[in-house]
């Protein structure tokens, strides 16, 4: 008789989550409708969130042109017809992304 080989993958760590009974009931209904266990449903949600975060980090990553390495950032130029509020918001975002200018 042949035996199936045992998996050599390390055990997956578990977590305990305490849920409000109403949330637990809702998750149970959603998981059942999707033919999943509650654990599989929660794992899917975690996986989706982590993929979304990875994608957001990939999109926001900013690369500096090699020829600009070490150069101080230039002055933020106001666009034609740009409001004070829009200019201030753009300045805030660019300062956050590039560490000030």
PDB file of N, CA and C in Angstrom:
ATOM      1  N   UNK A   1       0.837  -1.172   0.000  1.00  0.00           N
ATOM      2  CA  UNK A   1       0.000   0.000   0.000  1.00  0.00           C
ATOM      3  C   UNK A   1       0.890   1.245   0.000  1.00  0.00           C
ATOM      4  N   UNK A   2       0.616   2.196  -0.906  1.00  0.00           N
ATOM      5  CA  UNK A   2       1.400   3.429  -0.974  1.00  0.00           C
ATOM      6  C   UNK A   2       0.790   4.461  -0.039  1.00  0.00           C
ATOM      7  N   UNK A   3       1.640   5.207   0.589  1.00  0.00           N
ATOM      8  CA  UNK A   3       1.194   6.292   1.461  1.00  0.00           C
ATOM      9  C   UNK A   3       1.459   7.622   0.776  1.00  0.00           C
ATOM     10  N   UNK A   4       0.552   8.553   0.999  1.00  0.00           N
ATOM     11  CA  UNK A   4       0.755   9.900   0.486  1.00  0.00           C
ATOM     12  C   UNK A   4       1.882  10.544   1.290  1.00  0.00           C
ATOM     13  N   UNK A   5       2.765  11.266   0.617  1.00  0.00           N
ATOM     14  CA  UNK A   5       3.839  11.931   1.349  1.00  0.00           C
ATOM     15  C   UNK A   5       3.258  13.079   2.161  1.00  0.00           C
ATOM     16  N   UNK A   6       3.803  13.247   3.345  1.00  0.00           N
ATOM     17  CA  UNK A   6       3.343  14.337   4.203  1.00  0.00           C
ATOM     18  C   UNK A   6       3.939  15.643   3.710  1.00  0.00           C
ATOM     19  N   UNK A   7       3.192  16.693   3.874  1.00  0.00           N
ATOM     20  CA  UNK A   7       3.641  18.005   3.443  1.00  0.00           C
ATOM     21  C   UNK A   7       4.817  18.459   4.300  1.00  0.00           C
ATOM     22  N   UNK A   8       5.806  19.050   3.652  1.00  0.00           N
ATOM     23  CA  UNK A   8       6.957  19.566   4.387  1.00  0.00           C
ATOM     24  C   UNK A   8       6.825  21.059   4.638  1.00  0.00           C
ATOM     25  N   UNK A   9       5.696  21.627   4.250  1.00  0.00           N
ATOM     26  CA  UNK A   9       5.474  23.060   4.476  1.00  0.00           C
ATOM     27  C   UNK A   9       5.325  23.318   5.976  1.00  0.00           C
ATOM     28  N   UNK A  10       5.911  24.396   6.445  1.00  0.00           N
ATOM     29  CA  UNK A  10       5.771  24.700   7.874  1.00  0.00           C
ATOM     30  C   UNK A  10       4.315  25.023   8.208  1.00  0.00           C
ATOM     31  N   UNK A  11       3.917  24.760   9.444  1.00  0.00           N
ATOM     32  CA  UNK A  11       2.531  25.061   9.818  1.00  0.00           C
ATOM     33  C   UNK A  11       2.266  26.562   9.730  1.00  0.00           C
ATOM     34  N   UNK A  12       1.051  26.888   9.362  1.00  0.00           N
ATOM     35  CA  UNK A  12       0.667  28.297   9.265  1.00  0.00           C
ATOM     36  C   UNK A  12       0.216  28.768  10.642  1.00  0.00           C
ATOM     37  N   UNK A  13       0.752  29.893  11.096  1.00  0.00           N
ATOM     38  CA  UNK A  13       0.334  30.392  12.406  1.00  0.00           C
ATOM     39  C   UNK A  13      -1.115  30.858  12.380  1.00  0.00           C
ATOM     40  N   UNK A  14      -1.786  30.715  13.486  1.00  0.00           N
ATOM     41  CA  UNK A  14      -3.170  31.139  13.588  1.00  0.00           C
ATOM     42  C   UNK A  14      -3.306  32.373  14.457  1.00  0.00           C
ATOM     43  N   UNK A  15      -4.433  33.009  14.372  1.00  0.00           N
ATOM     44  CA  UNK A  15      -4.752  34.162  15.211  1.00  0.00           C
ATOM     45  C   UNK A  15      -6.166  33.982  15.751  1.00  0.00           C
ATOM     46  N   UNK A  16      -6.403  34.597  16.867  1.00  0.00           N
ATOM     47  CA  UNK A  16      -7.739  34.606  17.446  1.00  0.00           C
ATOM     48  C   UNK A  16      -8.305  36.003  17.278  1.00  0.00           C
ATOM     49  N   UNK A  17      -9.522  36.077  16.771  1.00  0.00           N
ATOM     50  CA  UNK A  17     -10.177  37.366  16.560  1.00  0.00           C
ATOM     51  C   UNK A  17     -11.491  37.351  17.320  1.00  0.00           C
ATOM     52  N   UNK A  18     -11.704  38.344  18.122  1.00  0.00           N
ATOM     53  CA  UNK A  18     -12.968  38.481  18.848  1.00  0.00           C
ATOM     54  C   UNK A  18     -13.858  39.441  18.068  1.00  0.00           C
ATOM     55  N   UNK A  19     -15.038  38.958  17.708  1.00  0.00           N
ATOM     56  CA  UNK A  19     -15.950  39.750  16.891  1.00  0.00           C
ATOM     57  C   UNK A  19     -17.237  40.029  17.637  1.00  0.00           C
ATOM     58  N   UNK A  20     -17.811  41.177  17.351  1.00  0.00           N
ATOM     59  CA  UNK A  20     -19.141  41.489  17.817  1.00  0.00           C
ATOM     60  C   UNK A  20     -20.086  40.428  17.235  1.00  0.00           C
ATOM     61  N   UNK A  21     -21.061  39.939  18.003  1.00  0.00           N
ATOM     62  CA  UNK A  21     -21.954  38.893  17.493  1.00  0.00           C
ATOM     63  C   UNK A  21     -22.651  39.269  16.179  1.00  0.00           C
ATOM     64  N   UNK A  22     -23.041  40.515  16.020  1.00  0.00           N
ATOM     65  CA  UNK A  22     -23.684  40.932  14.779  1.00  0.00           C
ATOM     66  C   UNK A  22     -22.741  40.842  13.589  1.00  0.00           C
ATOM     67  N   UNK A  23     -21.492  41.240  13.801  1.00  0.00           N
ATOM     68  CA  UNK A  23     -20.489  41.159  12.728  1.00  0.00           C
ATOM     69  C   UNK A  23     -20.203  39.693  12.404  1.00  0.00           C
ATOM     70  N   UNK A  24     -20.080  38.870  13.451  1.00  0.00           N
ATOM     71  CA  UNK A  24     -19.834  37.442  13.233  1.00  0.00           C
ATOM     72  C   UNK A  24     -20.959  36.821  12.401  1.00  0.00           C
ATOM     73  N   UNK A  25     -22.201  37.158  12.737  1.00  0.00           N
ATOM     74  CA  UNK A  25     -23.344  36.617  11.997  1.00  0.00           C
ATOM     75  C   UNK A  25     -23.305  37.060  10.531  1.00  0.00           C
ATOM     76  N   UNK A  26     -22.995  38.317  10.327  1.00  0.00           N
ATOM     77  CA  UNK A  26     -22.935  38.828   8.951  1.00  0.00           C
ATOM     78  C   UNK A  26     -21.822  38.150   8.161  1.00  0.00           C
ATOM     79  N   UNK A  27     -20.641  38.015   8.766  1.00  0.00           N
ATOM     80  CA  UNK A  27     -19.526  37.343   8.100  1.00  0.00           C
ATOM     81  C   UNK A  27     -19.888  35.894   7.797  1.00  0.00           C
ATOM     82  N   UNK A  28     -20.537  35.236   8.753  1.00  0.00           N
ATOM     83  CA  UNK A  28     -20.947  33.845   8.554  1.00  0.00           C
ATOM     84  C   UNK A  28     -21.879  33.723   7.346  1.00  0.00           C
ATOM     85  N   UNK A  29     -22.855  34.640   7.232  1.00  0.00           N
ATOM     86  CA  UNK A  29     -23.792  34.596   6.111  1.00  0.00           C
ATOM     87  C   UNK A  29     -23.093  34.854   4.775  1.00  0.00           C
ATOM     88  N   UNK A  30     -22.193  35.824   4.763  1.00  0.00           N
ATOM     89  CA  UNK A  30     -21.462  36.140   3.525  1.00  0.00           C
ATOM     90  C   UNK A  30     -20.589  34.952   3.114  1.00  0.00           C
ATOM     91  N   UNK A  31     -19.850  34.402   4.079  1.00  0.00           N
ATOM     92  CA  UNK A  31     -18.969  33.271   3.789  1.00  0.00           C
ATOM     93  C   UNK A  31     -19.768  32.080   3.274  1.00  0.00           C
ATOM     94  N   UNK A  32     -20.893  31.801   3.906  1.00  0.00           N
ATOM     95  CA  UNK A  32     -21.724  30.675   3.474  1.00  0.00           C
ATOM     96  C   UNK A  32     -22.242  30.892   2.058  1.00  0.00           C
ATOM     97  N   UNK A  33     -22.643  32.112   1.746  1.00  0.00           N
ATOM     98  CA  UNK A  33     -23.146  32.421   0.403  1.00  0.00           C
ATOM     99  C   UNK A  33     -22.046  32.243  -0.643  1.00  0.00           C
ATOM    100  N   UNK A  34     -20.801  32.421  -0.248  1.00  0.00           N
ATOM    101  CA  UNK A  34     -19.660  32.264  -1.165  1.00  0.00           C
ATOM    102  C   UNK A  34     -19.042  30.872  -1.060  1.00  0.00           C
ATOM    103  N   UNK A  35     -19.699  29.983  -0.318  1.00  0.00           N
ATOM    104  CA  UNK A  35     -19.222  28.609  -0.128  1.00  0.00           C
ATOM    105  C   UNK A  35     -17.815  28.587   0.460  1.00  0.00           C
ATOM    106  N   UNK A  36     -17.614  29.418   1.465  1.00  0.00           N
ATOM    107  CA  UNK A  36     -16.321  29.499   2.164  1.00  0.00           C
ATOM    108  C   UNK A  36     -16.563  29.314   3.649  1.00  0.00           C
ATOM    109  N   UNK A  37     -15.499  28.957   4.341  1.00  0.00           N
ATOM    110  CA  UNK A  37     -15.552  28.992   5.792  1.00  0.00           C
ATOM    111  C   UNK A  37     -15.310  30.438   6.222  1.00  0.00           C
ATOM    112  N   UNK A  38     -15.623  30.743   7.454  1.00  0.00           N
ATOM    113  CA  UNK A  38     -15.340  32.094   7.963  1.00  0.00           C
ATOM    114  C   UNK A  38     -13.854  32.367   7.883  1.00  0.00           C
ATOM    115  N   UNK A  39     -13.029  31.371   8.244  1.00  0.00           N
ATOM    116  CA  UNK A  39     -11.570  31.558   8.177  1.00  0.00           C
ATOM    117  C   UNK A  39     -11.113  31.854   6.754  1.00  0.00           C
ATOM    118  N   UNK A  40     -11.638  31.105   5.783  1.00  0.00           N
ATOM    119  CA  UNK A  40     -11.245  31.334   4.389  1.00  0.00           C
ATOM    120  C   UNK A  40     -11.699  32.713   3.915  1.00  0.00           C
ATOM    121  N   UNK A  41     -12.883  33.141   4.353  1.00  0.00           N
ATOM    122  CA  UNK A  41     -13.376  34.466   3.976  1.00  0.00           C
ATOM    123  C   UNK A  41     -12.478  35.558   4.552  1.00  0.00           C
ATOM    124  N   UNK A  42     -12.129  35.440   5.830  1.00  0.00           N
ATOM    125  CA  UNK A  42     -11.256  36.441   6.444  1.00  0.00           C
ATOM    126  C   UNK A  42      -9.874  36.437   5.804  1.00  0.00           C
ATOM    127  N   UNK A  43      -9.342  35.250   5.483  1.00  0.00           N
ATOM    128  CA  UNK A  43      -8.046  35.175   4.808  1.00  0.00           C
ATOM    129  C   UNK A  43      -8.111  35.871   3.456  1.00  0.00           C
ATOM    130  N   UNK A  44      -9.223  35.696   2.705  1.00  0.00           N
ATOM    131  CA  UNK A  44      -9.398  36.356   1.416  1.00  0.00           C
ATOM    132  C   UNK A  44      -9.398  37.881   1.600  1.00  0.00           C
ATOM    133  N   UNK A  45     -10.101  38.373   2.626  1.00  0.00           N
ATOM    134  CA  UNK A  45     -10.134  39.819   2.872  1.00  0.00           C
ATOM    135  C   UNK A  45      -8.746  40.353   3.192  1.00  0.00           C
ATOM    136  N   UNK A  46      -8.003  39.626   4.001  1.00  0.00           N
ATOM    137  CA  UNK A  46      -6.640  40.045   4.353  1.00  0.00           C
ATOM    138  C   UNK A  46      -5.764  40.057   3.105  1.00  0.00           C
ATOM    139  N   UNK A  47      -5.850  39.000   2.297  1.00  0.00           N
ATOM    140  CA  UNK A  47      -5.064  38.938   1.063  1.00  0.00           C
ATOM    141  C   UNK A  47      -5.391  40.107   0.137  1.00  0.00           C
ATOM    142  N   UNK A  48      -6.688  40.419  -0.020  1.00  0.00           N
ATOM    143  CA  UNK A  48      -7.097  41.541  -0.877  1.00  0.00           C
ATOM    144  C   UNK A  48      -6.529  42.858  -0.346  1.00  0.00           C
ATOM    145  N   UNK A  49      -6.608  43.056   0.960  1.00  0.00           N
ATOM    146  CA  UNK A  49      -6.107  44.298   1.543  1.00  0.00           C
ATOM    147  C   UNK A  49      -4.595  44.419   1.339  1.00  0.00           C
ATOM    148  N   UNK A  50      -3.867  43.345   1.558  1.00  0.00           N
ATOM    149  CA  UNK A  50      -2.414  43.396   1.396  1.00  0.00           C
ATOM    150  C   UNK A  50      -2.025  43.643  -0.063  1.00  0.00           C
ATOM    151  N   UNK A  51      -2.738  43.013  -1.009  1.00  0.00           N
ATOM    152  CA  UNK A  51      -2.465  43.274  -2.427  1.00  0.00           C
ATOM    153  C   UNK A  51      -2.744  44.733  -2.773  1.00  0.00           C
ATOM    154  N   UNK A  52      -3.828  45.287  -2.246  1.00  0.00           N
ATOM    155  CA  UNK A  52      -4.156  46.693  -2.505  1.00  0.00           C
ATOM    156  C   UNK A  52      -3.084  47.615  -1.934  1.00  0.00           C
ATOM    157  N   UNK A  53      -2.596  47.282  -0.749  1.00  0.00           N
ATOM    158  CA  UNK A  53      -1.528  48.097  -0.154  1.00  0.00           C
ATOM    159  C   UNK A  53      -0.242  48.000  -0.968  1.00  0.00           C
ATOM    160  N   UNK A  54       0.098  46.789  -1.415  1.00  0.00           N
ATOM    161  CA  UNK A  54       1.289  46.624  -2.257  1.00  0.00           C
ATOM    162  C   UNK A  54       1.155  47.431  -3.540  1.00  0.00           C
ATOM    163  N   UNK A  55      -0.015  47.399  -4.151  1.00  0.00           N
ATOM    164  CA  UNK A  55      -0.250  48.148  -5.379  1.00  0.00           C
ATOM    165  C   UNK A  55      -0.142  49.655  -5.120  1.00  0.00           C
ATOM    166  N   UNK A  56      -0.690  50.113  -4.009  1.00  0.00           N
ATOM    167  CA  UNK A  56      -0.615  51.538  -3.677  1.00  0.00           C
ATOM    168  C   UNK A  56       0.838  51.957  -3.468  1.00  0.00           C
ATOM    169  N   UNK A  57       1.623  51.124  -2.807  1.00  0.00           N
ATOM    170  CA  UNK A  57       3.036  51.454  -2.602  1.00  0.00           C
ATOM    171  C   UNK A  57       3.781  51.472  -3.933  1.00  0.00           C
ATOM    172  N   UNK A  58       3.427  50.558  -4.831  1.00  0.00           N
ATOM    173  CA  UNK A  58       4.079  50.502  -6.126  1.00  0.00           C
ATOM    174  C   UNK A  58       3.758  51.752  -6.946  1.00  0.00           C
ATOM    175  N   UNK A  59       2.535  52.198  -6.869  1.00  0.00           N
ATOM    176  CA  UNK A  59       2.113  53.350  -7.655  1.00  0.00           C
ATOM    177  C   UNK A  59       2.723  54.642  -7.117  1.00  0.00           C
ATOM    178  N   UNK A  60       2.821  54.775  -5.800  1.00  0.00           N
ATOM    179  CA  UNK A  60       3.279  56.015  -5.196  1.00  0.00           C
ATOM    180  C   UNK A  60       4.804  56.137  -5.214  1.00  0.00           C
ATOM    181  N   UNK A  61       5.493  55.037  -5.437  1.00  0.00           N
ATOM    182  CA  UNK A  61       6.953  55.073  -5.445  1.00  0.00           C
ATOM    183  C   UNK A  61       7.421  56.064  -6.503  1.00  0.00           C
ATOM    184  N   UNK A  62       8.315  56.946  -6.120  1.00  0.00           N
ATOM    185  CA  UNK A  62       8.793  58.000  -7.005  1.00  0.00           C
ATOM    186  C   UNK A  62      10.287  57.787  -7.230  1.00  0.00           C
ATOM    187  N   UNK A  63      10.687  57.834  -8.474  1.00  0.00           N
ATOM    188  CA  UNK A  63      12.088  57.674  -8.816  1.00  0.00           C
ATOM    189  C   UNK A  63      12.656  58.996  -9.286  1.00  0.00           C
ATOM    190  N   UNK A  64      13.868  59.265  -8.860  1.00  0.00           N
ATOM    191  CA  UNK A  64      14.536  60.502  -9.230  1.00  0.00           C
ATOM    192  C   UNK A  64      15.471  60.237 -10.395  1.00  0.00           C
ATOM    193  N   UNK A  65      15.461  61.127 -11.347  1.00  0.00           N
ATOM    194  CA  UNK A  65      16.368  60.982 -12.478  1.00  0.00           C
ATOM    195  C   UNK A  65      17.804  61.047 -11.972  1.00  0.00           C
ATOM    196  N   UNK A  66      18.684  60.159 -12.443  1.00  0.00           N
ATOM    197  CA  UNK A  66      20.064  60.138 -11.946  1.00  0.00           C
ATOM    198  C   UNK A  66      20.768  61.487 -12.063  1.00  0.00           C
ATOM    199  N   UNK A  67      20.467  62.227 -13.118  1.00  0.00           N
ATOM    200  CA  UNK A  67      21.145  63.517 -13.292  1.00  0.00           C
ATOM    201  C   UNK A  67      20.699  64.562 -12.270  1.00  0.00           C
ATOM    202  N   UNK A  68      19.587  64.293 -11.551  1.00  0.00           N
ATOM    203  CA  UNK A  68      19.100  65.223 -10.533  1.00  0.00           C
ATOM    204  C   UNK A  68      19.503  64.812  -9.122  1.00  0.00           C
ATOM    205  N   UNK A  69      20.225  63.702  -8.998  1.00  0.00           N
ATOM    206  CA  UNK A  69      20.630  63.217  -7.690  1.00  0.00           C
ATOM    207  C   UNK A  69      21.433  64.274  -6.939  1.00  0.00           C
ATOM    208  N   UNK A  70      20.969  64.624  -5.762  1.00  0.00           N
ATOM    209  CA  UNK A  70      21.656  65.604  -4.930  1.00  0.00           C
ATOM    210  C   UNK A  70      21.288  67.045  -5.221  1.00  0.00           C
ATOM    211  N   UNK A  71      20.527  67.282  -6.277  1.00  0.00           N
ATOM    212  CA  UNK A  71      20.105  68.641  -6.614  1.00  0.00           C
ATOM    213  C   UNK A  71      18.933  69.041  -5.731  1.00  0.00           C
ATOM    214  N   UNK A  72      18.925  70.274  -5.244  1.00  0.00           N
ATOM    215  CA  UNK A  72      17.774  70.711  -4.459  1.00  0.00           C
ATOM    216  C   UNK A  72      16.549  70.855  -5.368  1.00  0.00           C
ATOM    217  N   UNK A  73      15.369  70.562  -4.844  1.00  0.00           N
ATOM    218  CA  UNK A  73      14.173  70.712  -5.676  1.00  0.00           C
ATOM    219  C   UNK A  73      13.948  72.169  -6.046  1.00  0.00           C
ATOM    220  N   UNK A  74      13.368  72.365  -7.201  1.00  0.00           N
ATOM    221  CA  UNK A  74      13.101  73.717  -7.666  1.00  0.00           C
ATOM    222  C   UNK A  74      11.831  74.282  -7.060  1.00  0.00           C
ATOM    223  N   UNK A  75      11.533  75.487  -7.444  1.00  0.00           N
ATOM    224  CA  UNK A  75      10.353  76.172  -6.948  1.00  0.00           C
ATOM    225  C   UNK A  75       9.108  75.591  -7.603  1.00  0.00           C
ATOM    226  N   UNK A  76       8.039  75.452  -6.823  1.00  0.00           N
ATOM    227  CA  UNK A  76       6.775  74.972  -7.357  1.00  0.00           C
ATOM    228  C   UNK A  76       6.149  76.092  -8.176  1.00  0.00           C
ATOM    229  N   UNK A  77       5.889  75.816  -9.434  1.00  0.00           N
ATOM    230  CA  UNK A  77       5.348  76.831 -10.339  1.00  0.00           C
ATOM    231  C   UNK A  77       3.828  76.700 -10.381  1.00  0.00           C
ATOM    232  N   UNK A  78       3.157  77.830 -10.174  1.00  0.00           N
ATOM    233  CA  UNK A  78       1.690  77.855 -10.196  1.00  0.00           C
ATOM    234  C   UNK A  78       1.208  77.645 -11.621  1.00  0.00           C
ATOM    235  N   UNK A  79       0.198  76.770 -11.767  1.00  0.00           N
ATOM    236  CA  UNK A  79      -0.389  76.517 -13.079  1.00  0.00           C
ATOM    237  C   UNK A  79      -1.322  77.667 -13.448  1.00  0.00           C
ATOM    238  N   UNK A  80      -1.531  77.882 -14.729  1.00  0.00           N
ATOM    239  CA  UNK A  80      -2.429  78.936 -15.191  1.00  0.00           C
ATOM    240  C   UNK A  80      -3.822  78.722 -14.609  1.00  0.00           C
ATOM    241  N   UNK A  81      -4.376  79.755 -13.973  1.00  0.00           N
ATOM    242  CA  UNK A  81      -5.722  79.693 -13.425  1.00  0.00           C
ATOM    243  C   UNK A  81      -5.855  78.856 -12.162  1.00  0.00           C
ATOM    244  N   UNK A  82      -4.742  78.436 -11.564  1.00  0.00           N
ATOM    245  CA  UNK A  82      -4.790  77.593 -10.371  1.00  0.00           C
ATOM    246  C   UNK A  82      -5.195  78.416  -9.149  1.00  0.00           C
ATOM    247  N   UNK A  83      -6.156  77.907  -8.390  1.00  0.00           N
ATOM    248  CA  UNK A  83      -6.614  78.618  -7.194  1.00  0.00           C
ATOM    249  C   UNK A  83      -5.561  78.517  -6.085  1.00  0.00           C
ATOM    250  N   UNK A  84      -5.674  79.418  -5.107  1.00  0.00           N
ATOM    251  CA  UNK A  84      -4.771  79.371  -3.954  1.00  0.00           C
ATOM    252  C   UNK A  84      -4.899  78.033  -3.229  1.00  0.00           C
ATOM    253  N   UNK A  85      -6.136  77.533  -3.111  1.00  0.00           N
ATOM    254  CA  UNK A  85      -6.370  76.270  -2.412  1.00  0.00           C
ATOM    255  C   UNK A  85      -5.708  75.106  -3.143  1.00  0.00           C
ATOM    256  N   UNK A  86      -5.860  75.072  -4.469  1.00  0.00           N
ATOM    257  CA  UNK A  86      -5.268  73.992  -5.272  1.00  0.00           C
ATOM    258  C   UNK A  86      -3.746  74.059  -5.221  1.00  0.00           C
ATOM    259  N   UNK A  87      -3.203  75.252  -5.299  1.00  0.00           N
ATOM    260  CA  UNK A  87      -1.750  75.423  -5.236  1.00  0.00           C
ATOM    261  C   UNK A  87      -1.229  74.950  -3.876  1.00  0.00           C
ATOM    262  N   UNK A  88      -1.910  75.332  -2.807  1.00  0.00           N
ATOM    263  CA  UNK A  88      -1.486  74.925  -1.461  1.00  0.00           C
ATOM    264  C   UNK A  88      -1.561  73.413  -1.292  1.00  0.00           C
ATOM    265  N   UNK A  89      -2.614  72.797  -1.830  1.00  0.00           N
ATOM    266  CA  UNK A  89      -2.761  71.333  -1.744  1.00  0.00           C
ATOM    267  C   UNK A  89      -1.662  70.634  -2.533  1.00  0.00           C
ATOM    268  N   UNK A  90      -1.380  71.115  -3.726  1.00  0.00           N
ATOM    269  CA  UNK A  90      -0.308  70.535  -4.546  1.00  0.00           C
ATOM    270  C   UNK A  90       1.047  70.689  -3.853  1.00  0.00           C
ATOM    271  N   UNK A  91       1.263  71.842  -3.237  1.00  0.00           N
ATOM    272  CA  UNK A  91       2.496  72.081  -2.491  1.00  0.00           C
ATOM    273  C   UNK A  91       2.614  71.102  -1.321  1.00  0.00           C
ATOM    274  N   UNK A  92       1.498  70.876  -0.621  1.00  0.00           N
ATOM    275  CA  UNK A  92       1.503  69.952   0.518  1.00  0.00           C
ATOM    276  C   UNK A  92       1.824  68.536   0.060  1.00  0.00           C
ATOM    277  N   UNK A  93       1.183  68.079  -1.007  1.00  0.00           N
ATOM    278  CA  UNK A  93       1.400  66.718  -1.503  1.00  0.00           C
ATOM    279  C   UNK A  93       2.836  66.541  -1.968  1.00  0.00           C
ATOM    280  N   UNK A  94       3.348  67.483  -2.745  1.00  0.00           N
ATOM    281  CA  UNK A  94       4.715  67.361  -3.238  1.00  0.00           C
ATOM    282  C   UNK A  94       5.718  67.426  -2.103  1.00  0.00           C
ATOM    283  N   UNK A  95       5.456  68.247  -1.112  1.00  0.00           N
ATOM    284  CA  UNK A  95       6.350  68.304   0.052  1.00  0.00           C
ATOM    285  C   UNK A  95       6.359  66.970   0.780  1.00  0.00           C
ATOM    286  N   UNK A  96       5.201  66.355   0.887  1.00  0.00           N
ATOM    287  CA  UNK A  96       5.114  65.043   1.542  1.00  0.00           C
ATOM    288  C   UNK A  96       5.856  63.977   0.726  1.00  0.00           C
ATOM    289  N   UNK A  97       5.657  63.966  -0.590  1.00  0.00           N
ATOM    290  CA  UNK A  97       6.291  62.960  -1.436  1.00  0.00           C
ATOM    291  C   UNK A  97       7.803  63.137  -1.541  1.00  0.00           C
ATOM    292  N   UNK A  98       8.234  64.383  -1.655  1.00  0.00           N
ATOM    293  CA  UNK A  98       9.646  64.639  -1.921  1.00  0.00           C
ATOM    294  C   UNK A  98      10.407  65.168  -0.724  1.00  0.00           C
ATOM    295  N   UNK A  99       9.759  65.265   0.418  1.00  0.00           N
ATOM    296  CA  UNK A  99      10.454  65.725   1.617  1.00  0.00           C
ATOM    297  C   UNK A  99      10.734  67.207   1.648  1.00  0.00           C
ATOM    298  N   UNK A 100       9.866  67.973   1.060  1.00  0.00           N
ATOM    299  CA  UNK A 100      10.032  69.437   1.068  1.00  0.00           C
ATOM    300  C   UNK A 100      10.646  69.914  -0.227  1.00  0.00           C
ATOM    301  N   UNK A 101      10.373  71.151  -0.521  1.00  0.00           N
ATOM    302  CA  UNK A 101      10.986  71.756  -1.723  1.00  0.00           C
ATOM    303  C   UNK A 101      11.110  73.203  -1.523  1.00  0.00           C
TER     304      UNK A 101
END
